[in-house]
N, C-alpha and C. Protein backbone atom coordinates (compact mmCIF):
# COMPACT_ATOMS: atom_id res chain seq x y z
N UNK A 1 -0.44 -4.28 17.94
CA UNK A 1 0.29 -3.28 17.69
C UNK A 1 0.77 -2.15 17.87
N UNK A 2 2.01 -2.05 17.48
CA UNK A 2 3.04 -1.12 17.94
C UNK A 2 3.00 0.13 17.91
N UNK A 3 2.15 0.37 17.16
CA UNK A 3 1.58 2.03 17.54
C UNK A 3 1.40 2.27 18.81
N UNK A 4 0.83 1.26 19.33
CA UNK A 4 0.40 1.92 20.99
C UNK A 4 1.44 2.23 21.49
N UNK A 5 3.14 2.10 21.51
CA UNK A 5 3.92 2.37 22.00
C UNK A 5 4.48 3.41 22.01
N UNK A 6 4.10 4.18 20.53
CA UNK A 6 4.33 5.68 20.77
C UNK A 6 3.58 6.39 21.37
N UNK A 7 2.28 5.98 22.02
CA UNK A 7 1.29 6.65 22.55
C UNK A 7 0.44 7.38 21.47
N UNK A 8 -0.68 6.97 22.02
CA UNK A 8 -2.08 7.04 21.37
C UNK A 8 -2.72 8.65 21.29
N UNK A 9 -2.49 9.08 22.94
CA UNK A 9 -2.82 10.88 23.28
C UNK A 9 -4.33 10.23 23.55
N UNK A 10 -4.95 11.60 22.94
CA UNK A 10 -6.39 12.34 22.80
C UNK A 10 -6.64 12.41 21.05
N UNK A 11 -8.50 12.60 20.87
CA UNK A 11 -8.44 13.11 19.58
C UNK A 11 -8.15 14.29 19.62
N UNK A 12 -8.12 15.06 20.88
CA UNK A 12 -7.83 16.78 20.68
C UNK A 12 -6.10 16.90 20.83
N UNK A 13 -5.68 16.07 21.33
CA UNK A 13 -3.83 15.93 20.97
C UNK A 13 -3.57 14.56 20.99
N UNK A 14 -3.23 14.35 19.75
CA UNK A 14 -3.24 13.00 19.16
C UNK A 14 -1.19 12.32 19.07
N UNK A 15 -1.25 11.60 20.04
CA UNK A 15 0.42 11.21 19.53
C UNK A 15 0.72 10.70 18.91
N UNK A 16 1.89 10.10 18.30
CA UNK A 16 2.41 10.27 17.33
C UNK A 16 1.76 8.61 16.66
N UNK A 17 1.12 7.24 17.88
CA UNK A 17 0.76 6.21 17.63
C UNK A 17 -0.66 6.27 17.06
N UNK A 18 -1.65 7.22 17.20
CA UNK A 18 -3.02 7.45 16.51
C UNK A 18 -3.21 7.27 15.76
N UNK A 19 -2.73 7.19 14.30
CA UNK A 19 -2.94 7.59 13.02
C UNK A 19 -2.32 5.74 12.16
N UNK A 20 -1.45 5.42 12.84
CA UNK A 20 -1.14 4.09 12.41
C UNK A 20 -2.24 3.36 13.00
N UNK A 21 -2.45 3.98 14.60
CA UNK A 21 -3.31 2.65 15.51
C UNK A 21 -4.31 2.10 14.73
N UNK A 22 -5.35 3.55 13.97
CA UNK A 22 -6.66 3.15 13.51
C UNK A 22 -6.25 2.96 12.18
N UNK A 23 -5.41 3.21 11.36
CA UNK A 23 -5.58 2.47 10.04
C UNK A 23 -5.45 1.16 10.00
N UNK A 24 -3.95 0.17 11.37
CA UNK A 24 -3.77 -0.48 11.36
C UNK A 24 -5.28 -1.42 11.80
N UNK A 25 -6.20 -0.38 12.84
CA UNK A 25 -7.56 -1.21 13.09
C UNK A 25 -8.82 -1.28 11.70
N UNK A 26 -8.78 -0.52 11.09
CA UNK A 26 -9.62 -0.25 10.40
C UNK A 26 -9.26 -1.56 8.82
N UNK A 27 -8.00 -1.11 8.84
CA UNK A 27 -7.72 -2.68 7.68
C UNK A 27 -7.52 -4.16 8.49
N UNK A 28 -7.97 -4.49 9.63
CA UNK A 28 -8.39 -5.62 10.65
C UNK A 28 -9.54 -6.12 10.24
N UNK A 29 -10.50 -4.92 11.00
CA UNK A 29 -12.04 -4.88 10.01
C UNK A 29 -12.17 -5.24 9.20
N UNK A 30 -11.62 -3.80 8.03
CA UNK A 30 -11.94 -4.80 6.91
C UNK A 30 -10.85 -5.81 5.94
N UNK A 31 -10.27 -6.93 6.83
CA UNK A 31 -10.32 -8.02 6.52
C UNK A 31 -10.87 -8.49 7.20
N UNK A 32 -11.25 -8.75 8.12
CA UNK A 32 -12.34 -9.78 8.60
C UNK A 32 -13.57 -9.72 7.66
N UNK A 33 -13.90 -8.20 7.25
CA UNK A 33 -15.08 -8.48 6.69
C UNK A 33 -15.10 -9.23 5.14
N UNK A 34 -14.47 -9.01 4.60
CA UNK A 34 -13.81 -9.64 3.04
C UNK A 34 -13.87 -10.94 3.78
N UNK A 35 -13.33 -11.57 4.77
CA UNK A 35 -13.09 -13.12 5.15
C UNK A 35 -14.40 -13.42 5.27
N UNK A 36 -15.23 -12.53 6.23
CA UNK A 36 -16.68 -13.45 6.38
C UNK A 36 -17.56 -13.18 5.11
N UNK A 37 -17.55 -12.13 4.30
CA UNK A 37 -18.12 -12.17 3.16
C UNK A 37 -18.86 -12.94 1.85
N UNK A 38 -19.36 -12.51 1.32
CA UNK A 38 -20.18 -13.10 -0.19
C UNK A 38 -19.28 -13.64 -0.94
N UNK A 39 -18.51 -14.90 -0.86
CA UNK A 39 -17.33 -15.44 -1.95
C UNK A 39 -17.77 -15.31 -3.27
N UNK A 40 -18.85 -15.75 -3.69
CA UNK A 40 -18.80 -16.14 -4.71
C UNK A 40 -18.56 -17.15 -5.45
N UNK A 41 -18.49 -17.32 -7.23
CA UNK A 41 -17.83 -18.10 -7.15
C UNK A 41 -16.77 -18.30 -7.69
N UNK A 42 -15.57 -19.12 -7.35
CA UNK A 42 -14.52 -19.07 -7.31
C UNK A 42 -13.64 -19.65 -8.25
N UNK A 43 -13.27 -18.71 -9.28
CA UNK A 43 -12.44 -20.32 -10.90
C UNK A 43 -11.49 -20.49 -10.58
N UNK A 44 -11.64 -21.42 -11.27
CA UNK A 44 -10.07 -22.51 -10.50
C UNK A 44 -8.73 -21.83 -11.49
N UNK A 45 -9.53 -21.08 -12.18
CA UNK A 45 -7.81 -21.09 -13.13
C UNK A 45 -7.21 -19.93 -12.63
N UNK A 46 -8.29 -19.39 -11.30
CA UNK A 46 -6.97 -17.55 -11.10
C UNK A 46 -6.21 -18.38 -10.02
N UNK A 47 -6.01 -19.57 -9.46
CA UNK A 47 -5.04 -19.89 -8.35
C UNK A 47 -5.34 -18.75 -7.70
N UNK A 48 -6.63 -18.42 -6.50
CA UNK A 48 -6.36 -17.01 -6.16
C UNK A 48 -5.02 -17.47 -4.45
N UNK A 49 -4.77 -18.48 -4.26
CA UNK A 49 -3.72 -18.32 -3.74
C UNK A 49 -2.29 -18.21 -3.82
N UNK A 50 -2.14 -18.47 -5.11
CA UNK A 50 -0.75 -17.97 -5.91
C UNK A 50 -1.08 -16.64 -6.19
N UNK A 51 -2.09 -16.03 -6.36
CA UNK A 51 -2.16 -14.43 -6.03
C UNK A 51 -2.13 -13.96 -5.13
N UNK A 52 -2.59 -14.76 -4.21
CA UNK A 52 -2.60 -14.13 -2.77
C UNK A 52 -0.84 -14.28 -2.24
N UNK A 53 -0.22 -14.89 -2.96
CA UNK A 53 0.90 -15.19 -2.41
C UNK A 53 1.80 -13.60 -3.32
N UNK A 54 1.86 -13.66 -3.80
CA UNK A 54 2.55 -12.96 -4.67
C UNK A 54 2.02 -11.40 -4.47
N UNK A 55 1.09 -11.40 -3.95
CA UNK A 55 0.89 -9.94 -3.21
C UNK A 55 1.34 -10.36 -1.94
N UNK A 56 1.59 -11.00 -1.02
CA UNK A 56 2.58 -10.60 0.23
C UNK A 56 3.96 -10.45 -0.17
N UNK A 57 4.32 -11.21 -1.24
CA UNK A 57 5.67 -11.34 -1.58
C UNK A 57 6.12 -9.82 -2.27
N UNK A 58 5.43 -9.54 -3.02
CA UNK A 58 5.56 -7.69 -3.58
C UNK A 58 5.57 -7.08 -2.87
N UNK A 59 4.58 -7.03 -1.42
CA UNK A 59 4.69 -6.03 -0.11
C UNK A 59 6.14 -6.95 0.09
N UNK A 60 6.33 -7.40 0.41
CA UNK A 60 8.05 -7.43 1.14
C UNK A 60 8.61 -7.07 0.11
N UNK A 61 9.08 -7.33 -0.93
CA UNK A 61 9.88 -6.50 -2.22
C UNK A 61 9.51 -5.00 -2.08
N UNK A 62 8.59 -4.25 -1.75
CA UNK A 62 8.09 -2.67 -1.50
C UNK A 62 9.12 -2.28 -0.71
N UNK A 63 8.38 -3.44 0.44
CA UNK A 63 9.31 -2.55 1.63
C UNK A 63 11.26 -2.43 1.86
N UNK A 64 11.76 -3.93 1.13
CA UNK A 64 13.19 -3.74 0.64
C UNK A 64 13.77 -2.81 -0.23
N UNK A 65 12.36 -2.51 -1.03
CA UNK A 65 12.54 -1.55 -2.22
C UNK A 65 12.74 -0.07 -1.89
N UNK A 66 11.95 0.20 -0.77
CA UNK A 66 11.75 1.11 -0.42
C UNK A 66 13.09 2.48 0.21
N UNK A 67 14.21 1.09 0.64
CA UNK A 67 15.24 1.78 1.73
C UNK A 67 15.89 2.22 0.31
N UNK A 68 16.06 1.29 -1.09
CA UNK A 68 17.48 1.57 -1.66
C UNK A 68 16.95 1.68 -2.85
N UNK A 69 15.88 2.01 -3.41
CA UNK A 69 15.15 2.85 -4.28
C UNK A 69 15.02 4.08 -3.92
N UNK A 70 14.13 4.37 -2.42
CA UNK A 70 13.99 5.66 -2.83
C UNK A 70 12.05 4.89 -2.30
N UNK A 71 10.48 5.94 -2.79
CA UNK A 71 9.81 5.58 -2.82
C UNK A 71 9.09 5.52 -3.98
N UNK A 72 9.18 6.71 -4.87
CA UNK A 72 8.52 6.41 -5.81
C UNK A 72 8.45 5.40 -6.80
N UNK A 73 10.03 4.67 -7.63
CA UNK A 73 9.90 3.81 -8.59
C UNK A 73 9.40 1.87 -7.69
N UNK A 74 9.83 1.85 -5.96
CA UNK A 74 9.05 0.18 -5.80
C UNK A 74 7.58 1.09 -5.49
N UNK A 75 7.22 2.24 -5.58
CA UNK A 75 5.41 1.95 -5.61
C UNK A 75 5.13 1.98 -6.80
N UNK A 76 5.81 2.41 -8.03
CA UNK A 76 4.52 2.63 -9.02
C UNK A 76 5.11 1.45 -9.31
N UNK A 77 6.00 0.55 -9.55
CA UNK A 77 6.16 -1.02 -9.84
C UNK A 77 5.34 -1.72 -9.16
N UNK A 78 5.30 -1.69 -7.57
CA UNK A 78 3.85 -2.42 -6.79
C UNK A 78 2.80 -2.24 -7.15
N UNK A 79 2.68 -1.13 -7.64
CA UNK A 79 1.27 -0.58 -8.08
C UNK A 79 1.01 -0.84 -9.48
N UNK A 80 1.91 -1.37 -10.26
CA UNK A 80 1.74 -1.91 -11.69
C UNK A 80 1.43 -2.80 -11.70
N UNK A 81 1.94 -3.80 -10.58
CA UNK A 81 2.12 -5.26 -10.51
C UNK A 81 1.13 -5.85 -9.64
N UNK A 82 0.66 -4.75 -8.75
CA UNK A 82 -0.81 -5.17 -8.25
C UNK A 82 -1.93 -5.18 -9.36
N UNK A 83 -1.91 -3.92 -10.23
CA UNK A 83 -3.19 -3.97 -10.82
C UNK A 83 -3.32 -4.68 -12.37
N UNK A 84 -2.04 -4.77 -12.72
CA UNK A 84 -1.48 -5.80 -14.30
C UNK A 84 -1.96 -7.05 -13.94
N UNK A 85 -1.55 -7.44 -12.97
CA UNK A 85 -1.42 -8.93 -12.80
C UNK A 85 -2.53 -9.55 -11.58
N UNK A 86 -2.50 -8.67 -10.80
CA UNK A 86 -3.48 -9.15 -9.38
C UNK A 86 -4.99 -8.21 -9.52
N UNK A 87 -5.25 -7.73 -10.30
CA UNK A 87 -6.38 -7.10 -11.16
C UNK A 87 -6.60 -6.91 -12.12
N UNK A 88 -5.28 -8.06 -13.05
CA UNK A 88 -5.67 -7.58 -14.65
C UNK A 88 -6.80 -6.74 -15.23
N UNK A 89 -6.02 -5.49 -14.87
CA UNK A 89 -6.68 -4.44 -15.34
C UNK A 89 -5.79 -4.53 -16.84
N UNK A 90 -5.90 -3.37 -17.90
CA UNK A 90 -5.29 -3.22 -18.97
C UNK A 90 -3.68 -2.73 -18.35
N UNK A 91 -3.30 -2.87 -19.24
CA UNK A 91 -1.69 -1.89 -19.79
C UNK A 91 -2.29 -0.29 -19.65
N UNK A 92 -2.98 -0.24 -20.24
CA UNK A 92 -3.62 1.65 -20.35
C UNK A 92 -3.88 1.64 -19.03
N UNK A 93 -5.23 0.92 -18.70
CA UNK A 93 -5.31 1.70 -17.02
C UNK A 93 -4.67 0.91 -16.07
N UNK A 94 -3.73 0.01 -15.95
CA UNK A 94 -2.76 0.26 -15.19
C UNK A 94 -1.50 1.08 -15.39
N UNK A 95 -1.37 1.40 -16.50
CA UNK A 95 -0.29 2.81 -16.17
C UNK A 95 -0.78 4.08 -15.62
N UNK A 96 -1.58 4.30 -15.75
CA UNK A 96 -2.42 5.69 -15.64
C UNK A 96 -2.76 6.21 -14.09
N UNK A 97 -3.60 4.66 -13.49
CA UNK A 97 -3.78 4.47 -12.61
C UNK A 97 -2.17 4.88 -11.70
N UNK A 98 -1.09 3.74 -12.11
CA UNK A 98 -0.41 3.70 -11.36
C UNK A 98 0.21 5.26 -11.01
N UNK A 99 0.82 5.71 -12.44
CA UNK A 99 1.58 7.03 -11.92
C UNK A 99 1.00 7.98 -11.67
N UNK A 100 -0.63 7.86 -11.14
CA UNK A 100 -1.36 9.13 -10.93
C UNK A 100 -1.11 8.87 -9.79
N UNK A 101 -1.15 7.54 -9.11
CA UNK A 101 -1.60 7.19 -7.83
C UNK A 101 -0.05 7.19 -7.24
N UNK A 102 0.84 7.25 -7.87
CA UNK A 102 2.10 7.57 -7.35
C UNK A 102 2.97 8.84 -7.11
N UNK A 103 2.03 9.76 -8.32
CA UNK A 103 2.51 10.88 -8.49
C UNK A 103 1.57 11.96 -6.73
N UNK A 104 -0.31 11.28 -6.79
CA UNK A 104 -0.31 11.81 -5.97
C UNK A 104 0.00 11.74 -4.07
N UNK A 105 0.57 10.54 -4.28
CA UNK A 105 0.98 10.14 -2.62
C UNK A 105 1.98 11.03 -2.50
N UNK A 106 2.77 11.18 -3.72
CA UNK A 106 4.29 12.26 -3.64
C UNK A 106 4.04 13.18 -3.34
N UNK A 107 3.10 13.52 -3.99
CA UNK A 107 2.69 15.23 -3.58
C UNK A 107 2.22 15.69 -2.18
N UNK A 108 1.13 14.27 -1.94
CA UNK A 108 0.29 14.49 -0.64
C UNK A 108 1.64 15.31 0.58
N UNK A 109 2.03 13.40 0.13
CA UNK A 109 3.73 13.49 1.38
C UNK A 109 4.80 14.65 1.44
N UNK A 110 4.94 14.46 0.67
CA UNK A 110 6.15 15.23 -0.02
C UNK A 110 5.87 16.89 0.24
N UNK A 111 4.90 17.09 -0.69
CA UNK A 111 4.71 18.43 -1.22
C UNK A 111 3.75 18.93 0.41
N UNK A 112 2.61 18.70 0.63
CA UNK A 112 1.92 18.86 1.30
C UNK A 112 1.70 18.98 3.36
N UNK A 113 2.42 18.02 3.25
CA UNK A 113 2.55 17.81 4.48
C UNK A 113 4.03 17.74 5.30
N UNK A 114 5.21 18.10 3.65
CA UNK A 114 5.93 18.16 4.35
C UNK A 114 7.21 16.92 5.51
N UNK A 115 6.61 16.00 4.44
CA UNK A 115 6.72 15.15 5.05
C UNK A 115 8.93 14.14 3.77
N UNK A 116 9.55 14.59 4.29
CA UNK A 116 10.51 14.31 3.20
C UNK A 116 10.70 12.37 3.02
N UNK A 117 10.55 11.72 1.95
CA UNK A 117 10.62 10.27 1.44
C UNK A 117 11.81 10.11 0.74
N UNK A 118 12.34 9.02 1.14
CA UNK A 118 13.82 8.93 0.36
C UNK A 118 13.60 8.51 -0.78
N UNK A 119 14.69 9.19 -1.65
CA UNK A 119 14.39 9.50 -3.28
C UNK A 119 15.61 8.29 -4.13
N UNK A 120 15.90 7.75 -3.13
CA UNK A 120 17.07 6.30 -3.88
C UNK A 120 17.55 6.53 -5.05
N UNK A 121 17.32 6.27 -5.96
CA UNK A 121 17.81 6.42 -7.08
C UNK A 121 17.48 7.45 -7.96
N UNK A 122 16.88 7.97 -7.68
CA UNK A 122 16.11 9.24 -8.52
C UNK A 122 16.32 10.60 -7.70
N UNK A 123 17.30 10.03 -6.77
CA UNK A 123 17.98 11.45 -5.85
C UNK A 123 18.42 12.97 -7.11
N UNK A 124 18.61 13.74 -6.85
CA UNK A 124 19.51 14.81 -7.60
C UNK A 124 20.87 15.08 -7.25
């Protein structure tokens, strides 16, 4: 975990790597729990390996798009893909959730936390 190189600090005086470390630790715990959890029946028509590879590929493209297109457009597109294709939600719910989530993430980071996010093609 590269976050340890940034310095974890303490809970009273957190270092810049503390939150990335805690989030990555939680993701690892959830991943192991997911692997060990009840799998139920696997529908052979769902092709879980292809869906998993699509998810990983979409994250790679998201990272690349983040630099060139900014935050909003890649986030919206990856959420739409994951909701519509991977989670098989309806178009209506996929659009509503993707737009609301993208707006909420932008508002949290840009407005509330004051973290400047790349605007990309949406720069004015």
